[in-house]
């Protein structure tokens, strides 16, 4: 089969969440042709799949340059991943930390499968760059989000497909506050509002109330990361600085309470 590799094009892993939506905008700003890829693996929060469609439509409506660059969308059925997984992402069970120290929202092999299928599609479509929203700066500790994992997989995919894929992870070394800032830098208030209102991050699939940081239950790990990132972004802080300020305030409150209660 004849295969032409297009160097100025990309395939973005686009789930419908905040991180992948920001990565999609990042890719549209850099590449002349950008296609998207989503996966239905039986996730509890499959409402994100509906968000994908609306977000792509709004990108086309609000950003003329990106409209010309945004290409085909692909959605793959990976129900087998959900079938073999016993996690809080694929089962209606409480979110908790396992004995391994990892949260039970970790789906073993998920990103490895996602990137492998992405490479297969990129190979067929002549796309050389694969973009994912993995991050190990402000995350839940998933080992398949680490930079070492992505680099190792890039080597394996290129060897196994005799290709020169570049796996790009623009969020790898930034926290959630910087992710909000990146969205604003790329698309201004329009994109910021779209990410806030039209993407989905909540693990429980809660799509009711619209908070200042977006939709969600507000208590699951994904919502907490997103909320803290937004609060830090609005305050002009990093997430680490925000948490430090909160810890100091809590310590002061406890000290004040102890002082008030002293005889």
C-alpha atoms as a PDB file:
ATOM      1  CA  UNK A   1       0.000   0.000   0.000  1.00  0.00           C
ATOM      2  CA  UNK A   2       1.293   3.432  -0.919  1.00  0.00           C
ATOM      3  CA  UNK A   3       1.415   5.727   2.092  1.00  0.00           C
ATOM      4  CA  UNK A   4       2.096   9.460   2.110  1.00  0.00           C
ATOM      5  CA  UNK A   5       3.090  10.960   5.453  1.00  0.00           C
ATOM      6  CA  UNK A   6       1.845  14.527   5.888  1.00  0.00           C
ATOM      7  CA  UNK A   7       4.256  16.370   8.161  1.00  0.00           C
ATOM      8  CA  UNK A   8       1.983  19.337   8.826  1.00  0.00           C
ATOM      9  CA  UNK A   9      -0.965  17.371  10.181  1.00  0.00           C
ATOM     10  CA  UNK A  10      -2.004  15.757  13.439  1.00  0.00           C
ATOM     11  CA  UNK A  11      -4.386  13.326  15.091  1.00  0.00           C
ATOM     12  CA  UNK A  12      -5.640  14.499  18.492  1.00  0.00           C
ATOM     13  CA  UNK A  13      -6.934  12.129  21.158  1.00  0.00           C
ATOM     14  CA  UNK A  14     -10.103  14.065  21.960  1.00  0.00           C
ATOM     15  CA  UNK A  15     -12.277  12.690  24.750  1.00  0.00           C
ATOM     16  CA  UNK A  16     -14.462  15.747  25.248  1.00  0.00           C
ATOM     17  CA  UNK A  17     -12.688  16.760  28.469  1.00  0.00           C
ATOM     18  CA  UNK A  18     -10.828  19.919  29.426  1.00  0.00           C
ATOM     19  CA  UNK A  19      -7.323  18.638  28.740  1.00  0.00           C
ATOM     20  CA  UNK A  20      -8.003  17.092  25.347  1.00  0.00           C
ATOM     21  CA  UNK A  21     -10.072  20.104  24.260  1.00  0.00           C
ATOM     22  CA  UNK A  22      -7.155  22.387  25.089  1.00  0.00           C
ATOM     23  CA  UNK A  23      -4.809  20.060  23.198  1.00  0.00           C
ATOM     24  CA  UNK A  24      -7.139  20.188  20.199  1.00  0.00           C
ATOM     25  CA  UNK A  25      -6.922  23.987  20.144  1.00  0.00           C
ATOM     26  CA  UNK A  26      -3.148  23.735  20.559  1.00  0.00           C
ATOM     27  CA  UNK A  27      -2.928  21.445  17.518  1.00  0.00           C
ATOM     28  CA  UNK A  28      -5.260  23.603  15.408  1.00  0.00           C
ATOM     29  CA  UNK A  29      -2.977  26.553  16.043  1.00  0.00           C
ATOM     30  CA  UNK A  30       0.050  24.605  14.755  1.00  0.00           C
ATOM     31  CA  UNK A  31      -1.004  22.188  12.026  1.00  0.00           C
ATOM     32  CA  UNK A  32      -2.809  22.779   8.741  1.00  0.00           C
ATOM     33  CA  UNK A  33      -4.888  19.601   9.061  1.00  0.00           C
ATOM     34  CA  UNK A  34      -6.125  18.162  12.338  1.00  0.00           C
ATOM     35  CA  UNK A  35      -8.288  15.093  12.831  1.00  0.00           C
ATOM     36  CA  UNK A  36      -9.753  13.887  16.128  1.00  0.00           C
ATOM     37  CA  UNK A  37     -10.151  10.484  17.739  1.00  0.00           C
ATOM     38  CA  UNK A  38     -12.386   9.405  20.607  1.00  0.00           C
ATOM     39  CA  UNK A  39     -13.024   6.088  22.335  1.00  0.00           C
ATOM     40  CA  UNK A  40     -16.131   4.480  23.779  1.00  0.00           C
ATOM     41  CA  UNK A  41     -14.840   1.967  26.299  1.00  0.00           C
ATOM     42  CA  UNK A  42     -17.877   1.739  28.563  1.00  0.00           C
ATOM     43  CA  UNK A  43     -16.784   4.669  30.735  1.00  0.00           C
ATOM     44  CA  UNK A  44     -19.188   5.854  33.441  1.00  0.00           C
ATOM     45  CA  UNK A  45     -18.793   9.404  32.228  1.00  0.00           C
ATOM     46  CA  UNK A  46     -19.649   8.614  28.607  1.00  0.00           C
ATOM     47  CA  UNK A  47     -21.492  11.930  28.508  1.00  0.00           C
ATOM     48  CA  UNK A  48     -18.079  13.204  27.416  1.00  0.00           C
ATOM     49  CA  UNK A  49     -18.689  11.588  24.026  1.00  0.00           C
ATOM     50  CA  UNK A  50     -21.658  13.892  23.443  1.00  0.00           C
ATOM     51  CA  UNK A  51     -19.565  16.881  24.471  1.00  0.00           C
ATOM     52  CA  UNK A  52     -17.058  16.054  21.746  1.00  0.00           C
ATOM     53  CA  UNK A  53     -19.602  16.707  19.009  1.00  0.00           C
ATOM     54  CA  UNK A  54     -20.789  20.048  20.340  1.00  0.00           C
ATOM     55  CA  UNK A  55     -17.284  21.279  21.040  1.00  0.00           C
ATOM     56  CA  UNK A  56     -16.128  20.532  17.492  1.00  0.00           C
ATOM     57  CA  UNK A  57     -19.176  22.340  16.109  1.00  0.00           C
ATOM     58  CA  UNK A  58     -18.473  25.408  18.238  1.00  0.00           C
ATOM     59  CA  UNK A  59     -14.827  25.454  17.176  1.00  0.00           C
ATOM     60  CA  UNK A  60     -15.947  25.624  13.573  1.00  0.00           C
ATOM     61  CA  UNK A  61     -18.522  28.319  14.303  1.00  0.00           C
ATOM     62  CA  UNK A  62     -16.304  30.599  16.399  1.00  0.00           C
ATOM     63  CA  UNK A  63     -12.825  30.206  14.900  1.00  0.00           C
ATOM     64  CA  UNK A  64     -12.691  30.605  11.091  1.00  0.00           C
ATOM     65  CA  UNK A  65      -9.015  29.655  10.751  1.00  0.00           C
ATOM     66  CA  UNK A  66      -9.482  26.526  12.826  1.00  0.00           C
ATOM     67  CA  UNK A  67     -12.631  25.662  10.874  1.00  0.00           C
ATOM     68  CA  UNK A  68     -10.510  25.293   7.752  1.00  0.00           C
ATOM     69  CA  UNK A  69      -8.013  23.076   9.566  1.00  0.00           C
ATOM     70  CA  UNK A  70     -10.384  20.822  11.514  1.00  0.00           C
ATOM     71  CA  UNK A  71     -10.791  17.566   9.644  1.00  0.00           C
ATOM     72  CA  UNK A  72     -12.468  14.228  10.117  1.00  0.00           C
ATOM     73  CA  UNK A  73     -13.552  12.822  13.460  1.00  0.00           C
ATOM     74  CA  UNK A  74     -13.103   9.158  14.387  1.00  0.00           C
ATOM     75  CA  UNK A  75     -14.867   7.267  17.200  1.00  0.00           C
ATOM     76  CA  UNK A  76     -13.732   3.748  18.071  1.00  0.00           C
ATOM     77  CA  UNK A  77     -15.597   1.137  20.079  1.00  0.00           C
ATOM     78  CA  UNK A  78     -13.221  -0.250  22.703  1.00  0.00           C
ATOM     79  CA  UNK A  79     -15.855  -1.974  24.784  1.00  0.00           C
ATOM     80  CA  UNK A  80     -13.410  -4.816  25.376  1.00  0.00           C
ATOM     81  CA  UNK A  81     -11.370  -2.470  27.574  1.00  0.00           C
ATOM     82  CA  UNK A  82     -14.357  -1.872  29.811  1.00  0.00           C
ATOM     83  CA  UNK A  83     -15.162  -5.582  29.811  1.00  0.00           C
ATOM     84  CA  UNK A  84     -11.766  -6.554  31.210  1.00  0.00           C
ATOM     85  CA  UNK A  85     -11.490  -3.610  33.632  1.00  0.00           C
ATOM     86  CA  UNK A  86     -12.683  -3.617  37.221  1.00  0.00           C
ATOM     87  CA  UNK A  87     -12.327   0.084  37.979  1.00  0.00           C
ATOM     88  CA  UNK A  88     -14.397   3.021  39.175  1.00  0.00           C
ATOM     89  CA  UNK A  89     -14.210   4.408  35.645  1.00  0.00           C
ATOM     90  CA  UNK A  90     -16.001   1.401  34.176  1.00  0.00           C
ATOM     91  CA  UNK A  91     -18.073   0.136  37.135  1.00  0.00           C
ATOM     92  CA  UNK A  92     -20.600   1.806  39.428  1.00  0.00           C
ATOM     93  CA  UNK A  93     -18.406   1.553  42.519  1.00  0.00           C
ATOM     94  CA  UNK A  94     -17.026   4.074  45.007  1.00  0.00           C
ATOM     95  CA  UNK A  95     -13.859   5.943  44.101  1.00  0.00           C
ATOM     96  CA  UNK A  96     -11.066   5.015  46.494  1.00  0.00           C
ATOM     97  CA  UNK A  97      -7.340   4.323  46.667  1.00  0.00           C
ATOM     98  CA  UNK A  98      -6.124   0.779  46.048  1.00  0.00           C
ATOM     99  CA  UNK A  99      -3.494  -1.045  48.094  1.00  0.00           C
ATOM    100  CA  UNK A 100      -1.017  -0.143  45.335  1.00  0.00           C
ATOM    101  CA  UNK A 101      -1.470   3.537  46.140  1.00  0.00           C
ATOM    102  CA  UNK A 102      -3.207   4.228  42.841  1.00  0.00           C
ATOM    103  CA  UNK A 103      -6.819   5.415  42.702  1.00  0.00           C
ATOM    104  CA  UNK A 104      -9.255   2.793  41.429  1.00  0.00           C
ATOM    105  CA  UNK A 105     -10.118   5.148  38.564  1.00  0.00           C
ATOM    106  CA  UNK A 106      -6.899   3.971  36.907  1.00  0.00           C
ATOM    107  CA  UNK A 107      -7.783   1.783  33.901  1.00  0.00           C
ATOM    108  CA  UNK A 108      -4.736  -0.439  33.232  1.00  0.00           C
ATOM    109  CA  UNK A 109      -3.577  -0.259  29.635  1.00  0.00           C
ATOM    110  CA  UNK A 110      -6.007   2.496  28.631  1.00  0.00           C
ATOM    111  CA  UNK A 111      -3.554   5.064  27.279  1.00  0.00           C
ATOM    112  CA  UNK A 112      -1.378   2.317  25.821  1.00  0.00           C
ATOM    113  CA  UNK A 113      -4.357   1.046  23.828  1.00  0.00           C
ATOM    114  CA  UNK A 114      -5.502   4.548  22.917  1.00  0.00           C
ATOM    115  CA  UNK A 115      -2.144   5.533  21.484  1.00  0.00           C
ATOM    116  CA  UNK A 116      -1.680   2.224  19.683  1.00  0.00           C
ATOM    117  CA  UNK A 117      -5.040   2.549  17.926  1.00  0.00           C
ATOM    118  CA  UNK A 118      -4.288   6.212  17.258  1.00  0.00           C
ATOM    119  CA  UNK A 119      -1.034   5.242  15.571  1.00  0.00           C
ATOM    120  CA  UNK A 120      -2.845   2.691  13.413  1.00  0.00           C
ATOM    121  CA  UNK A 121      -5.290   5.365  12.254  1.00  0.00           C
ATOM    122  CA  UNK A 122      -2.528   7.928  11.788  1.00  0.00           C
ATOM    123  CA  UNK A 123      -0.619   5.390   9.672  1.00  0.00           C
ATOM    124  CA  UNK A 124      -3.639   4.867   7.415  1.00  0.00           C
ATOM    125  CA  UNK A 125      -4.524   8.571   7.227  1.00  0.00           C
ATOM    126  CA  UNK A 126      -0.972   9.803   6.610  1.00  0.00           C
ATOM    127  CA  UNK A 127      -0.745  11.766   9.864  1.00  0.00           C
ATOM    128  CA  UNK A 128       2.625  11.925  11.556  1.00  0.00           C
ATOM    129  CA  UNK A 129       1.865  13.765  14.795  1.00  0.00           C
ATOM    130  CA  UNK A 130      -0.292  12.261  17.544  1.00  0.00           C
ATOM    131  CA  UNK A 131      -1.389  14.661  20.299  1.00  0.00           C
ATOM    132  CA  UNK A 132      -2.542  13.581  23.759  1.00  0.00           C
ATOM    133  CA  UNK A 133      -3.451  15.383  26.974  1.00  0.00           C
ATOM    134  CA  UNK A 134      -1.293  13.262  29.290  1.00  0.00           C
ATOM    135  CA  UNK A 135       0.283  15.118  32.204  1.00  0.00           C
ATOM    136  CA  UNK A 136       2.423  14.142  35.175  1.00  0.00           C
ATOM    137  CA  UNK A 137       2.593  17.555  36.826  1.00  0.00           C
ATOM    138  CA  UNK A 138      -0.916  17.875  38.268  1.00  0.00           C
ATOM    139  CA  UNK A 139      -2.542  14.455  37.951  1.00  0.00           C
ATOM    140  CA  UNK A 140      -3.867  11.390  39.790  1.00  0.00           C
ATOM    141  CA  UNK A 141      -0.660   9.367  39.545  1.00  0.00           C
ATOM    142  CA  UNK A 142      -1.590   7.189  36.554  1.00  0.00           C
ATOM    143  CA  UNK A 143       1.628   5.517  35.309  1.00  0.00           C
ATOM    144  CA  UNK A 144       0.477   5.633  31.673  1.00  0.00           C
ATOM    145  CA  UNK A 145       0.379   9.441  31.837  1.00  0.00           C
ATOM    146  CA  UNK A 146       4.077   9.743  32.619  1.00  0.00           C
ATOM    147  CA  UNK A 147       6.530  11.203  30.151  1.00  0.00           C
ATOM    148  CA  UNK A 148       8.730   8.079  30.308  1.00  0.00           C
ATOM    149  CA  UNK A 149       5.748   5.934  29.282  1.00  0.00           C
ATOM    150  CA  UNK A 150       4.895   8.163  26.325  1.00  0.00           C
ATOM    151  CA  UNK A 151       8.496   8.279  25.115  1.00  0.00           C
ATOM    152  CA  UNK A 152       8.855   4.503  25.376  1.00  0.00           C
ATOM    153  CA  UNK A 153       5.600   3.995  23.488  1.00  0.00           C
ATOM    154  CA  UNK A 154       6.704   6.391  20.761  1.00  0.00           C
ATOM    155  CA  UNK A 155       9.789   4.253  20.217  1.00  0.00           C
ATOM    156  CA  UNK A 156       7.754   1.027  20.176  1.00  0.00           C
ATOM    157  CA  UNK A 157       5.151   2.384  17.748  1.00  0.00           C
ATOM    158  CA  UNK A 158       7.766   3.714  15.356  1.00  0.00           C
ATOM    159  CA  UNK A 159       9.651   0.416  15.394  1.00  0.00           C
ATOM    160  CA  UNK A 160       6.508  -1.668  15.033  1.00  0.00           C
ATOM    161  CA  UNK A 161       5.086   0.396  12.177  1.00  0.00           C
ATOM    162  CA  UNK A 162       8.359   1.460  10.561  1.00  0.00           C
ATOM    163  CA  UNK A 163       7.267   5.083  10.913  1.00  0.00           C
ATOM    164  CA  UNK A 164       8.380   8.378  12.405  1.00  0.00           C
ATOM    165  CA  UNK A 165       5.415   9.321  14.571  1.00  0.00           C
ATOM    166  CA  UNK A 166       5.854  12.190  17.015  1.00  0.00           C
ATOM    167  CA  UNK A 167       3.782  11.836  20.197  1.00  0.00           C
ATOM    168  CA  UNK A 168       3.147  15.354  21.464  1.00  0.00           C
ATOM    169  CA  UNK A 169       1.918  16.017  25.029  1.00  0.00           C
ATOM    170  CA  UNK A 170       1.648  19.809  25.411  1.00  0.00           C
ATOM    171  CA  UNK A 171       0.296  19.563  28.982  1.00  0.00           C
ATOM    172  CA  UNK A 172       2.939  17.178  30.321  1.00  0.00           C
ATOM    173  CA  UNK A 173       4.831  19.717  32.416  1.00  0.00           C
ATOM    174  CA  UNK A 174       2.127  22.246  33.326  1.00  0.00           C
ATOM    175  CA  UNK A 175      -0.484  22.211  36.082  1.00  0.00           C
ATOM    176  CA  UNK A 176      -4.249  22.716  35.726  1.00  0.00           C
ATOM    177  CA  UNK A 177      -3.965  26.450  36.314  1.00  0.00           C
ATOM    178  CA  UNK A 178      -1.561  26.714  33.389  1.00  0.00           C
ATOM    179  CA  UNK A 179      -3.921  24.584  31.303  1.00  0.00           C
ATOM    180  CA  UNK A 180      -6.661  27.183  31.789  1.00  0.00           C
ATOM    181  CA  UNK A 181      -4.147  29.904  30.913  1.00  0.00           C
ATOM    182  CA  UNK A 182      -3.129  28.027  27.770  1.00  0.00           C
ATOM    183  CA  UNK A 183      -6.756  27.837  26.622  1.00  0.00           C
ATOM    184  CA  UNK A 184      -7.123  31.595  27.098  1.00  0.00           C
ATOM    185  CA  UNK A 185      -3.855  32.260  25.254  1.00  0.00           C
ATOM    186  CA  UNK A 186      -4.931  30.094  22.319  1.00  0.00           C
ATOM    187  CA  UNK A 187      -8.512  31.243  21.889  1.00  0.00           C
ATOM    188  CA  UNK A 188      -9.240  34.091  24.276  1.00  0.00           C
ATOM    189  CA  UNK A 189     -12.476  34.365  26.236  1.00  0.00           C
ATOM    190  CA  UNK A 190     -14.413  32.422  23.591  1.00  0.00           C
ATOM    191  CA  UNK A 191     -12.324  29.288  23.981  1.00  0.00           C
ATOM    192  CA  UNK A 192     -12.159  29.688  27.755  1.00  0.00           C
ATOM    193  CA  UNK A 193     -15.966  29.785  27.941  1.00  0.00           C
ATOM    194  CA  UNK A 194     -16.243  26.784  25.630  1.00  0.00           C
ATOM    195  CA  UNK A 195     -13.876  24.738  27.788  1.00  0.00           C
ATOM    196  CA  UNK A 196     -15.712  25.774  30.938  1.00  0.00           C
ATOM    197  CA  UNK A 197     -19.238  25.187  29.645  1.00  0.00           C
ATOM    198  CA  UNK A 198     -18.985  22.483  26.982  1.00  0.00           C
ATOM    199  CA  UNK A 199     -16.287  20.032  28.068  1.00  0.00           C
ATOM    200  CA  UNK A 200     -16.739  17.261  30.623  1.00  0.00           C
ATOM    201  CA  UNK A 201     -14.277  16.000  33.232  1.00  0.00           C
ATOM    202  CA  UNK A 202     -16.369  14.588  36.109  1.00  0.00           C
ATOM    203  CA  UNK A 203     -15.756  10.861  36.654  1.00  0.00           C
ATOM    204  CA  UNK A 204     -19.346  10.354  37.824  1.00  0.00           C
ATOM    205  CA  UNK A 205     -20.804  11.822  34.651  1.00  0.00           C
ATOM    206  CA  UNK A 206     -22.617  14.585  36.545  1.00  0.00           C
ATOM    207  CA  UNK A 207     -23.800  17.197  34.047  1.00  0.00           C
ATOM    208  CA  UNK A 208     -26.188  19.244  36.193  1.00  0.00           C
ATOM    209  CA  UNK A 209     -25.058  22.472  37.820  1.00  0.00           C
ATOM    210  CA  UNK A 210     -22.644  24.748  35.967  1.00  0.00           C
ATOM    211  CA  UNK A 211     -20.007  25.867  38.457  1.00  0.00           C
ATOM    212  CA  UNK A 212     -17.583  28.685  37.724  1.00  0.00           C
ATOM    213  CA  UNK A 213     -15.069  25.988  36.683  1.00  0.00           C
ATOM    214  CA  UNK A 214     -17.546  23.908  34.646  1.00  0.00           C
ATOM    215  CA  UNK A 215     -20.011  21.030  35.082  1.00  0.00           C
ATOM    216  CA  UNK A 216     -19.407  18.223  37.547  1.00  0.00           C
ATOM    217  CA  UNK A 217     -20.127  16.693  40.937  1.00  0.00           C
ATOM    218  CA  UNK A 218     -17.432  18.829  42.559  1.00  0.00           C
ATOM    219  CA  UNK A 219     -16.089  16.060  44.788  1.00  0.00           C
ATOM    220  CA  UNK A 220     -14.546  13.368  42.572  1.00  0.00           C
ATOM    221  CA  UNK A 221     -10.769  13.609  41.954  1.00  0.00           C
ATOM    222  CA  UNK A 222     -11.237  14.935  38.412  1.00  0.00           C
ATOM    223  CA  UNK A 223     -13.566  17.706  39.579  1.00  0.00           C
ATOM    224  CA  UNK A 224     -11.215  18.642  42.407  1.00  0.00           C
ATOM    225  CA  UNK A 225      -8.274  18.964  40.017  1.00  0.00           C
ATOM    226  CA  UNK A 226     -10.315  21.046  37.607  1.00  0.00           C
ATOM    227  CA  UNK A 227     -11.775  23.281  40.356  1.00  0.00           C
ATOM    228  CA  UNK A 228      -8.434  23.932  42.037  1.00  0.00           C
ATOM    229  CA  UNK A 229      -6.831  24.654  38.682  1.00  0.00           C
ATOM    230  CA  UNK A 230      -9.504  27.198  37.844  1.00  0.00           C
ATOM    231  CA  UNK A 231      -9.270  28.859  41.250  1.00  0.00           C
ATOM    232  CA  UNK A 232      -5.489  29.099  40.936  1.00  0.00           C
ATOM    233  CA  UNK A 233      -5.793  30.456  37.380  1.00  0.00           C
ATOM    234  CA  UNK A 234      -8.224  33.160  38.496  1.00  0.00           C
ATOM    235  CA  UNK A 235      -5.950  34.073  41.406  1.00  0.00           C
ATOM    236  CA  UNK A 236      -2.832  34.211  39.241  1.00  0.00           C
ATOM    237  CA  UNK A 237      -1.237  31.366  41.188  1.00  0.00           C
ATOM    238  CA  UNK A 238       0.069  27.901  40.488  1.00  0.00           C
ATOM    239  CA  UNK A 239      -1.921  25.037  41.968  1.00  0.00           C
ATOM    240  CA  UNK A 240       0.924  24.374  44.412  1.00  0.00           C
ATOM    241  CA  UNK A 241       0.780  27.983  45.602  1.00  0.00           C
ATOM    242  CA  UNK A 242      -2.998  27.800  46.010  1.00  0.00           C
ATOM    243  CA  UNK A 243      -2.753  24.632  48.090  1.00  0.00           C
ATOM    244  CA  UNK A 244      -0.003  26.198  50.203  1.00  0.00           C
ATOM    245  CA  UNK A 245      -2.146  29.274  50.837  1.00  0.00           C
ATOM    246  CA  UNK A 246      -5.124  27.080  51.766  1.00  0.00           C
ATOM    247  CA  UNK A 247      -2.978  25.027  54.162  1.00  0.00           C
ATOM    248  CA  UNK A 248      -1.618  28.161  55.815  1.00  0.00           C
ATOM    249  CA  UNK A 249      -5.107  29.617  56.181  1.00  0.00           C
ATOM    250  CA  UNK A 250      -6.393  26.379  57.708  1.00  0.00           C
ATOM    251  CA  UNK A 251      -3.470  26.256  60.149  1.00  0.00           C
ATOM    252  CA  UNK A 252      -4.128  29.861  61.161  1.00  0.00           C
ATOM    253  CA  UNK A 253      -7.818  29.129  61.691  1.00  0.00           C
ATOM    254  CA  UNK A 254      -6.960  26.156  63.907  1.00  0.00           C
ATOM    255  CA  UNK A 255      -4.487  28.274  65.874  1.00  0.00           C
ATOM    256  CA  UNK A 256      -7.082  31.016  66.309  1.00  0.00           C
ATOM    257  CA  UNK A 257      -9.704  28.483  67.440  1.00  0.00           C
ATOM    258  CA  UNK A 258      -7.276  26.986  69.966  1.00  0.00           C
ATOM    259  CA  UNK A 259      -6.438  30.445  71.243  1.00  0.00           C
ATOM    260  CA  UNK A 260     -10.107  31.369  71.640  1.00  0.00           C
ATOM    261  CA  UNK A 261     -10.741  28.184  73.581  1.00  0.00           C
ATOM    262  CA  UNK A 262      -7.787  28.596  75.932  1.00  0.00           C
ATOM    263  CA  UNK A 263      -8.623  29.384  79.584  1.00  0.00           C
END
